[in-house]
Every structure is written in C-alpha cells, then in structure tokens.
C-alpha cells in the first residue's frame, strides 16, 4: 500500500542528489536518501544558525563531511579551510554546572590521568573566534561581546577542556554535559571541546585533541 509513495519519495530524493554540484553520489546516495526521507536535512544555513544540522549530522554520521554537499549544508570551502579541523559545530548545553566544571578543570598534573587536557585563552581571543564562518551554530544561541574599554577585556580567561580521543558529536555533547560544561564544540575530525562557564562564547576554534588528528 505504501510502496508507491515510498518509491516516489526515494526517486525525488535521488533527483535532488543528482542535481547538486560537488555531491559524491556513489558514496552518499543511499545515506542521504535515508536522511531526506526522514526529513532530517531539510533546512538552510544562515546567520541565525542551522535548525536541522544537528539531526542531519547524526543521521549522516561519519559521512557528514563527504556528503553535506548533497543536502546543501556544506560551507563553501576554500583550499585553506578544507581540512575537517577547520570546521566545527557548536551548541549551548541546557543545564550547565559551573562549580563541577571548575573543579574538574583544576585537577593537577600529579593526579591520575583523566583522558582530557585543559586549555585557557583570553576571552578577547575567544570572542574573535565566534564569528568564524566555518563553524555551524546548532540550536538557539546569542552573540556575546565585551564592552569597549572594559577592564574585563584584558583579564578575563576562558577555560576549555579537550578529550584526548576522537568521539561522535552525540557522545561529545553527552560527555560535556556530564562534566558540567556550558557549551560544546565538535570539530568535524571528531575532536571534542567542552566550553566552561567563564567563557563568553564557544571557546577556541583550534582542535587540540591529543589522539585525534584525523
């Protein structure tokens, strides 16, 4: 009963894929069709964010970087921005626990290894990173800024945490939530960065996971 409808939807999806320049149809057709049929990738990236990018990324999983062109969600790539470490997705976490994150990021080098490293950068540097055009905002967010001339400009520090190993975007979000982080940044090489409560935006745009150099 439903087979003709399913066939028409699949044919329509394949037609959309074929029309996209830069889409690797041989690699992506099956997975992209599945995601389009589930209506997980049907939106546009704009200055306000990307309402469907999270669900679409989870659906395409490891094929995201190679197949996002097929659904029109890739940023225009220049030669210097083609590596996955130059692109990331960021999102606010709903229930941060600042005291927990601060406690975990003050563990000393003498303590047992925890599987992550802690990095601190000036907030002024962090805020310059938030407008990087190759990073996708997931969900609702607000643009942060410091008032000109504020003494906080030169003294405020943003602390972030990088997991050593690669992980999926969903696991990155869950791991950062468990550490009490305020936000997370998932690089498209699978490096995960948890952003602390003293950061004003989304931490560093540099992927610095020790064992994740894809």
C-alpha atoms as a PDB file:
ATOM      1  CA  UNK A   1       0.000   0.000   0.000  1.00  0.00           C
ATOM      2  CA  UNK A   2       2.750   2.422   0.925  1.00  0.00           C
ATOM      3  CA  UNK A   3       5.348   1.190  -1.558  1.00  0.00           C
ATOM      4  CA  UNK A   4       4.401   3.578  -4.424  1.00  0.00           C
ATOM      5  CA  UNK A   5       4.650   6.591  -2.094  1.00  0.00           C
ATOM      6  CA  UNK A   6       7.985   5.408  -0.727  1.00  0.00           C
ATOM      7  CA  UNK A   7       9.271   4.835  -4.255  1.00  0.00           C
ATOM      8  CA  UNK A   8       8.224   8.327  -5.346  1.00  0.00           C
ATOM      9  CA  UNK A   9       9.897   9.909  -2.315  1.00  0.00           C
ATOM     10  CA  UNK A  10      13.070   7.927  -2.943  1.00  0.00           C
ATOM     11  CA  UNK A  11      13.093   8.886  -6.612  1.00  0.00           C
ATOM     12  CA  UNK A  12      12.576  12.522  -5.682  1.00  0.00           C
ATOM     13  CA  UNK A  13      15.446  12.369  -3.187  1.00  0.00           C
ATOM     14  CA  UNK A  14      17.764  10.807  -5.752  1.00  0.00           C
ATOM     15  CA  UNK A  15      16.808  13.542  -8.206  1.00  0.00           C
ATOM     16  CA  UNK A  16      17.757  16.222  -5.691  1.00  0.00           C
ATOM     17  CA  UNK A  17      21.082  14.490  -5.026  1.00  0.00           C
ATOM     18  CA  UNK A  18      21.877  14.260  -8.741  1.00  0.00           C
ATOM     19  CA  UNK A  19      21.254  17.984  -9.184  1.00  0.00           C
ATOM     20  CA  UNK A  20      23.795  19.055  -6.574  1.00  0.00           C
ATOM     21  CA  UNK A  21      27.223  20.011  -7.892  1.00  0.00           C
ATOM     22  CA  UNK A  22      30.054  18.572  -5.798  1.00  0.00           C
ATOM     23  CA  UNK A  23      27.949  15.763  -4.351  1.00  0.00           C
ATOM     24  CA  UNK A  24      29.646  12.346  -4.317  1.00  0.00           C
ATOM     25  CA  UNK A  25      26.617  10.361  -5.483  1.00  0.00           C
ATOM     26  CA  UNK A  26      28.362   6.974  -5.469  1.00  0.00           C
ATOM     27  CA  UNK A  27      29.293   7.330  -1.803  1.00  0.00           C
ATOM     28  CA  UNK A  28      26.374   9.338  -0.474  1.00  0.00           C
ATOM     29  CA  UNK A  29      23.197   8.404  -2.365  1.00  0.00           C
ATOM     30  CA  UNK A  30      21.958   5.691  -0.007  1.00  0.00           C
ATOM     31  CA  UNK A  31      22.588   7.516   3.280  1.00  0.00           C
ATOM     32  CA  UNK A  32      21.459  10.912   2.014  1.00  0.00           C
ATOM     33  CA  UNK A  33      18.230   9.417   0.634  1.00  0.00           C
ATOM     34  CA  UNK A  34      17.548   7.829   4.029  1.00  0.00           C
ATOM     35  CA  UNK A  35      18.075  11.152   5.832  1.00  0.00           C
ATOM     36  CA  UNK A  36      15.965  13.087   3.329  1.00  0.00           C
ATOM     37  CA  UNK A  37      13.141  10.569   3.619  1.00  0.00           C
ATOM     38  CA  UNK A  38      13.174  11.134   7.385  1.00  0.00           C
ATOM     39  CA  UNK A  39      13.139  14.919   6.729  1.00  0.00           C
ATOM     40  CA  UNK A  40      16.243  15.418   8.885  1.00  0.00           C
ATOM     41  CA  UNK A  41      18.236  17.586   6.475  1.00  0.00           C
ATOM     42  CA  UNK A  42      15.676  19.968   5.024  1.00  0.00           C
ATOM     43  CA  UNK A  43      16.729  23.441   6.107  1.00  0.00           C
ATOM     44  CA  UNK A  44      19.236  26.152   5.182  1.00  0.00           C
ATOM     45  CA  UNK A  45      22.293  27.505   6.979  1.00  0.00           C
ATOM     46  CA  UNK A  46      22.034  31.238   7.672  1.00  0.00           C
ATOM     47  CA  UNK A  47      23.354  33.830  10.130  1.00  0.00           C
ATOM     48  CA  UNK A  48      20.770  32.749  12.718  1.00  0.00           C
ATOM     49  CA  UNK A  49      22.079  29.190  12.707  1.00  0.00           C
ATOM     50  CA  UNK A  50      21.107  25.831  11.237  1.00  0.00           C
ATOM     51  CA  UNK A  51      17.935  24.319  12.739  1.00  0.00           C
ATOM     52  CA  UNK A  52      18.361  20.879  11.175  1.00  0.00           C
ATOM     53  CA  UNK A  53      22.162  20.487  11.158  1.00  0.00           C
ATOM     54  CA  UNK A  54      22.394  18.533  14.405  1.00  0.00           C
ATOM     55  CA  UNK A  55      19.836  15.912  13.321  1.00  0.00           C
ATOM     56  CA  UNK A  56      21.304  15.745   9.824  1.00  0.00           C
ATOM     57  CA  UNK A  57      24.846  15.278  11.166  1.00  0.00           C
ATOM     58  CA  UNK A  58      23.693  12.490  13.468  1.00  0.00           C
ATOM     59  CA  UNK A  59      21.941  10.812  10.544  1.00  0.00           C
ATOM     60  CA  UNK A  60      24.913  11.048   8.157  1.00  0.00           C
ATOM     61  CA  UNK A  61      27.382  10.323  10.991  1.00  0.00           C
ATOM     62  CA  UNK A  62      30.921   9.770   9.644  1.00  0.00           C
ATOM     63  CA  UNK A  63      29.795  10.669   6.114  1.00  0.00           C
ATOM     64  CA  UNK A  64      28.852  14.249   7.069  1.00  0.00           C
ATOM     65  CA  UNK A  65      31.965  15.967   5.687  1.00  0.00           C
ATOM     66  CA  UNK A  66      31.844  13.977   2.460  1.00  0.00           C
ATOM     67  CA  UNK A  67      28.082  14.180   1.906  1.00  0.00           C
ATOM     68  CA  UNK A  68      26.889  17.524   3.316  1.00  0.00           C
ATOM     69  CA  UNK A  69      27.156  18.976  -0.219  1.00  0.00           C
ATOM     70  CA  UNK A  70      24.370  16.603  -1.256  1.00  0.00           C
ATOM     71  CA  UNK A  71      21.909  18.242   1.152  1.00  0.00           C
ATOM     72  CA  UNK A  72      23.151  21.815   0.655  1.00  0.00           C
ATOM     73  CA  UNK A  73      24.506  22.211   4.196  1.00  0.00           C
ATOM     74  CA  UNK A  74      28.238  22.484   3.462  1.00  0.00           C
ATOM     75  CA  UNK A  75      30.002  25.796   3.798  1.00  0.00           C
ATOM     76  CA  UNK A  76      31.818  26.944   0.682  1.00  0.00           C
ATOM     77  CA  UNK A  77      35.297  25.506   1.053  1.00  0.00           C
ATOM     78  CA  UNK A  78      38.490  27.291   0.144  1.00  0.00           C
ATOM     79  CA  UNK A  79      41.762  25.393  -0.097  1.00  0.00           C
ATOM     80  CA  UNK A  80      42.994  26.602   3.298  1.00  0.00           C
ATOM     81  CA  UNK A  81      39.713  25.670   5.010  1.00  0.00           C
ATOM     82  CA  UNK A  82      39.264  22.203   3.516  1.00  0.00           C
ATOM     83  CA  UNK A  83      40.559  20.189   6.495  1.00  0.00           C
ATOM     84  CA  UNK A  84      37.934  18.923   8.988  1.00  0.00           C
ATOM     85  CA  UNK A  85      39.808  20.567  11.887  1.00  0.00           C
ATOM     86  CA  UNK A  86      38.952  23.981  10.414  1.00  0.00           C
ATOM     87  CA  UNK A  87      35.215  23.259  10.683  1.00  0.00           C
ATOM     88  CA  UNK A  88      33.076  22.560  13.731  1.00  0.00           C
ATOM     89  CA  UNK A  89      29.569  22.579  15.167  1.00  0.00           C
ATOM     90  CA  UNK A  90      28.752  24.329  18.445  1.00  0.00           C
ATOM     91  CA  UNK A  91      25.771  24.223  20.790  1.00  0.00           C
ATOM     92  CA  UNK A  92      24.671  25.525  24.188  1.00  0.00           C
ATOM     93  CA  UNK A  93      24.000  22.931  26.905  1.00  0.00           C
ATOM     94  CA  UNK A  94      20.736  23.298  28.789  1.00  0.00           C
ATOM     95  CA  UNK A  95      21.835  22.526  32.369  1.00  0.00           C
ATOM     96  CA  UNK A  96      25.451  23.596  32.989  1.00  0.00           C
ATOM     97  CA  UNK A  97      27.015  23.045  36.422  1.00  0.00           C
ATOM     98  CA  UNK A  98      29.749  25.718  36.710  1.00  0.00           C
ATOM     99  CA  UNK A  99      31.095  24.507  40.081  1.00  0.00           C
ATOM    100  CA  UNK A 100      31.562  20.962  38.736  1.00  0.00           C
ATOM    101  CA  UNK A 101      33.348  22.111  35.584  1.00  0.00           C
ATOM    102  CA  UNK A 102      35.679  24.407  37.545  1.00  0.00           C
ATOM    103  CA  UNK A 103      36.516  21.621  39.993  1.00  0.00           C
ATOM    104  CA  UNK A 104      37.307  19.125  37.236  1.00  0.00           C
ATOM    105  CA  UNK A 105      39.479  21.557  35.278  1.00  0.00           C
ATOM    106  CA  UNK A 106      41.648  22.355  38.315  1.00  0.00           C
ATOM    107  CA  UNK A 107      42.930  18.783  38.627  1.00  0.00           C
ATOM    108  CA  UNK A 108      46.732  18.951  38.782  1.00  0.00           C
ATOM    109  CA  UNK A 109      49.314  17.058  36.758  1.00  0.00           C
ATOM    110  CA  UNK A 110      50.054  14.940  39.841  1.00  0.00           C
ATOM    111  CA  UNK A 111      46.551  13.454  39.776  1.00  0.00           C
ATOM    112  CA  UNK A 112      45.731  10.283  37.787  1.00  0.00           C
ATOM    113  CA  UNK A 113      45.216  10.928  34.036  1.00  0.00           C
ATOM    114  CA  UNK A 114      41.615  11.763  33.205  1.00  0.00           C
ATOM    115  CA  UNK A 115      41.656  11.431  29.412  1.00  0.00           C
ATOM    116  CA  UNK A 116      41.480  15.154  28.727  1.00  0.00           C
ATOM    117  CA  UNK A 117      43.602  18.308  28.700  1.00  0.00           C
ATOM    118  CA  UNK A 118      42.687  21.803  29.895  1.00  0.00           C
ATOM    119  CA  UNK A 119      43.469  24.981  27.940  1.00  0.00           C
ATOM    120  CA  UNK A 120      42.886  28.623  28.923  1.00  0.00           C
ATOM    121  CA  UNK A 121      42.724  31.510  26.450  1.00  0.00           C
ATOM    122  CA  UNK A 122      41.911  35.231  26.848  1.00  0.00           C
ATOM    123  CA  UNK A 123      38.219  35.971  26.363  1.00  0.00           C
ATOM    124  CA  UNK A 124      39.154  38.650  23.813  1.00  0.00           C
ATOM    125  CA  UNK A 125      40.718  35.932  21.650  1.00  0.00           C
ATOM    126  CA  UNK A 126      37.727  33.647  22.197  1.00  0.00           C
ATOM    127  CA  UNK A 127      35.268  36.293  21.018  1.00  0.00           C
ATOM    128  CA  UNK A 128      37.187  36.725  17.767  1.00  0.00           C
ATOM    129  CA  UNK A 129      36.656  33.013  17.124  1.00  0.00           C
ATOM    130  CA  UNK A 130      32.871  33.084  17.436  1.00  0.00           C
ATOM    131  CA  UNK A 131      32.387  34.756  14.043  1.00  0.00           C
ATOM    132  CA  UNK A 132      34.435  32.163  12.140  1.00  0.00           C
ATOM    133  CA  UNK A 133      32.387  31.339   9.026  1.00  0.00           C
ATOM    134  CA  UNK A 134      33.207  27.619   9.037  1.00  0.00           C
ATOM    135  CA  UNK A 135      31.528  26.868  12.351  1.00  0.00           C
ATOM    136  CA  UNK A 136      27.853  25.904  12.482  1.00  0.00           C
ATOM    137  CA  UNK A 137      25.603  27.046  15.333  1.00  0.00           C
ATOM    138  CA  UNK A 138      23.193  24.339  16.474  1.00  0.00           C
ATOM    139  CA  UNK A 139      20.007  25.337  18.283  1.00  0.00           C
ATOM    140  CA  UNK A 140      19.349  28.791  19.725  1.00  0.00           C
ATOM    141  CA  UNK A 141      22.289  30.971  20.700  1.00  0.00           C
ATOM    142  CA  UNK A 142      23.231  34.555  21.407  1.00  0.00           C
ATOM    143  CA  UNK A 143      26.162  36.634  20.223  1.00  0.00           C
ATOM    144  CA  UNK A 144      28.437  37.594  23.109  1.00  0.00           C
ATOM    145  CA  UNK A 145      30.584  40.699  23.313  1.00  0.00           C
ATOM    146  CA  UNK A 146      32.610  42.715  25.803  1.00  0.00           C
ATOM    147  CA  UNK A 147      32.041  46.423  26.210  1.00  0.00           C
ATOM    148  CA  UNK A 148      34.838  48.580  24.728  1.00  0.00           C
ATOM    149  CA  UNK A 149      37.239  49.822  27.374  1.00  0.00           C
ATOM    150  CA  UNK A 150      36.107  47.297  29.974  1.00  0.00           C
ATOM    151  CA  UNK A 151      38.881  46.113  32.292  1.00  0.00           C
ATOM    152  CA  UNK A 152      37.480  42.628  31.787  1.00  0.00           C
ATOM    153  CA  UNK A 153      38.774  42.727  28.212  1.00  0.00           C
ATOM    154  CA  UNK A 154      42.353  42.174  29.306  1.00  0.00           C
ATOM    155  CA  UNK A 155      41.842  39.987  32.387  1.00  0.00           C
ATOM    156  CA  UNK A 156      39.009  37.565  31.600  1.00  0.00           C
ATOM    157  CA  UNK A 157      40.054  33.999  30.803  1.00  0.00           C
ATOM    158  CA  UNK A 158      38.108  31.270  29.014  1.00  0.00           C
ATOM    159  CA  UNK A 159      38.842  27.690  30.120  1.00  0.00           C
ATOM    160  CA  UNK A 160      38.058  24.766  27.824  1.00  0.00           C
ATOM    161  CA  UNK A 161      38.625  21.038  28.025  1.00  0.00           C
ATOM    162  CA  UNK A 162      39.672  18.751  25.149  1.00  0.00           C
ATOM    163  CA  UNK A 163      39.180  14.997  25.251  1.00  0.00           C
ATOM    164  CA  UNK A 164      42.256  13.134  24.037  1.00  0.00           C
ATOM    165  CA  UNK A 165      40.350  10.644  21.855  1.00  0.00           C
ATOM    166  CA  UNK A 166      38.021  11.139  18.901  1.00  0.00           C
ATOM    167  CA  UNK A 167      34.287  10.749  19.504  1.00  0.00           C
ATOM    168  CA  UNK A 168      30.936  11.222  17.795  1.00  0.00           C
ATOM    169  CA  UNK A 169      29.080  14.522  18.097  1.00  0.00           C
ATOM    170  CA  UNK A 170      26.378  12.943  20.245  1.00  0.00           C
ATOM    171  CA  UNK A 171      28.935  11.459  22.638  1.00  0.00           C
ATOM    172  CA  UNK A 172      30.757  14.807  22.736  1.00  0.00           C
ATOM    173  CA  UNK A 173      27.580  16.558  23.847  1.00  0.00           C
ATOM    174  CA  UNK A 174      26.828  13.919  26.482  1.00  0.00           C
ATOM    175  CA  UNK A 175      30.406  13.929  27.793  1.00  0.00           C
ATOM    176  CA  UNK A 176      30.487  17.716  28.115  1.00  0.00           C
ATOM    177  CA  UNK A 177      27.102  17.649  29.864  1.00  0.00           C
ATOM    178  CA  UNK A 178      28.451  15.124  32.385  1.00  0.00           C
ATOM    179  CA  UNK A 179      31.336  17.487  33.196  1.00  0.00           C
ATOM    180  CA  UNK A 180      29.029  20.460  33.813  1.00  0.00           C
ATOM    181  CA  UNK A 181      30.164  22.417  30.736  1.00  0.00           C
ATOM    182  CA  UNK A 182      28.139  25.348  29.413  1.00  0.00           C
ATOM    183  CA  UNK A 183      28.639  24.577  25.711  1.00  0.00           C
ATOM    184  CA  UNK A 184      30.455  22.158  23.465  1.00  0.00           C
ATOM    185  CA  UNK A 185      32.304  22.385  20.160  1.00  0.00           C
ATOM    186  CA  UNK A 186      32.577  19.294  17.990  1.00  0.00           C
ATOM    187  CA  UNK A 187      35.183  19.543  15.248  1.00  0.00           C
ATOM    188  CA  UNK A 188      34.492  17.680  12.028  1.00  0.00           C
ATOM    189  CA  UNK A 189      37.552  15.497  12.563  1.00  0.00           C
ATOM    190  CA  UNK A 190      35.728  14.155  15.701  1.00  0.00           C
ATOM    191  CA  UNK A 191      37.719  16.201  18.251  1.00  0.00           C
ATOM    192  CA  UNK A 192      35.547  17.257  21.215  1.00  0.00           C
ATOM    193  CA  UNK A 193      35.920  20.528  23.156  1.00  0.00           C
ATOM    194  CA  UNK A 194      33.892  21.330  26.303  1.00  0.00           C
ATOM    195  CA  UNK A 195      33.468  25.060  26.954  1.00  0.00           C
ATOM    196  CA  UNK A 196      33.455  26.345  30.527  1.00  0.00           C
ATOM    197  CA  UNK A 197      31.170  28.822  32.325  1.00  0.00           C
ATOM    198  CA  UNK A 198      33.733  31.641  32.295  1.00  0.00           C
ATOM    199  CA  UNK A 199      33.805  31.685  28.503  1.00  0.00           C
ATOM    200  CA  UNK A 200      31.657  34.290  26.760  1.00  0.00           C
ATOM    201  CA  UNK A 201      31.142  32.383  23.508  1.00  0.00           C
ATOM    202  CA  UNK A 202      32.200  28.954  22.218  1.00  0.00           C
ATOM    203  CA  UNK A 203      35.804  28.583  23.299  1.00  0.00           C
ATOM    204  CA  UNK A 204      38.713  28.081  20.941  1.00  0.00           C
ATOM    205  CA  UNK A 205      38.364  27.370  17.218  1.00  0.00           C
ATOM    206  CA  UNK A 206      41.524  25.247  17.328  1.00  0.00           C
ATOM    207  CA  UNK A 207      41.183  21.450  17.505  1.00  0.00           C
ATOM    208  CA  UNK A 208      43.637  20.307  20.190  1.00  0.00           C
ATOM    209  CA  UNK A 209      42.715  16.701  20.989  1.00  0.00           C
ATOM    210  CA  UNK A 210      45.969  14.795  21.551  1.00  0.00           C
ATOM    211  CA  UNK A 211      44.966  11.493  19.946  1.00  0.00           C
ATOM    212  CA  UNK A 212      42.504  12.766  17.352  1.00  0.00           C
ATOM    213  CA  UNK A 213      44.452  14.022  14.352  1.00  0.00           C
ATOM    214  CA  UNK A 214      42.279  12.755  11.513  1.00  0.00           C
END
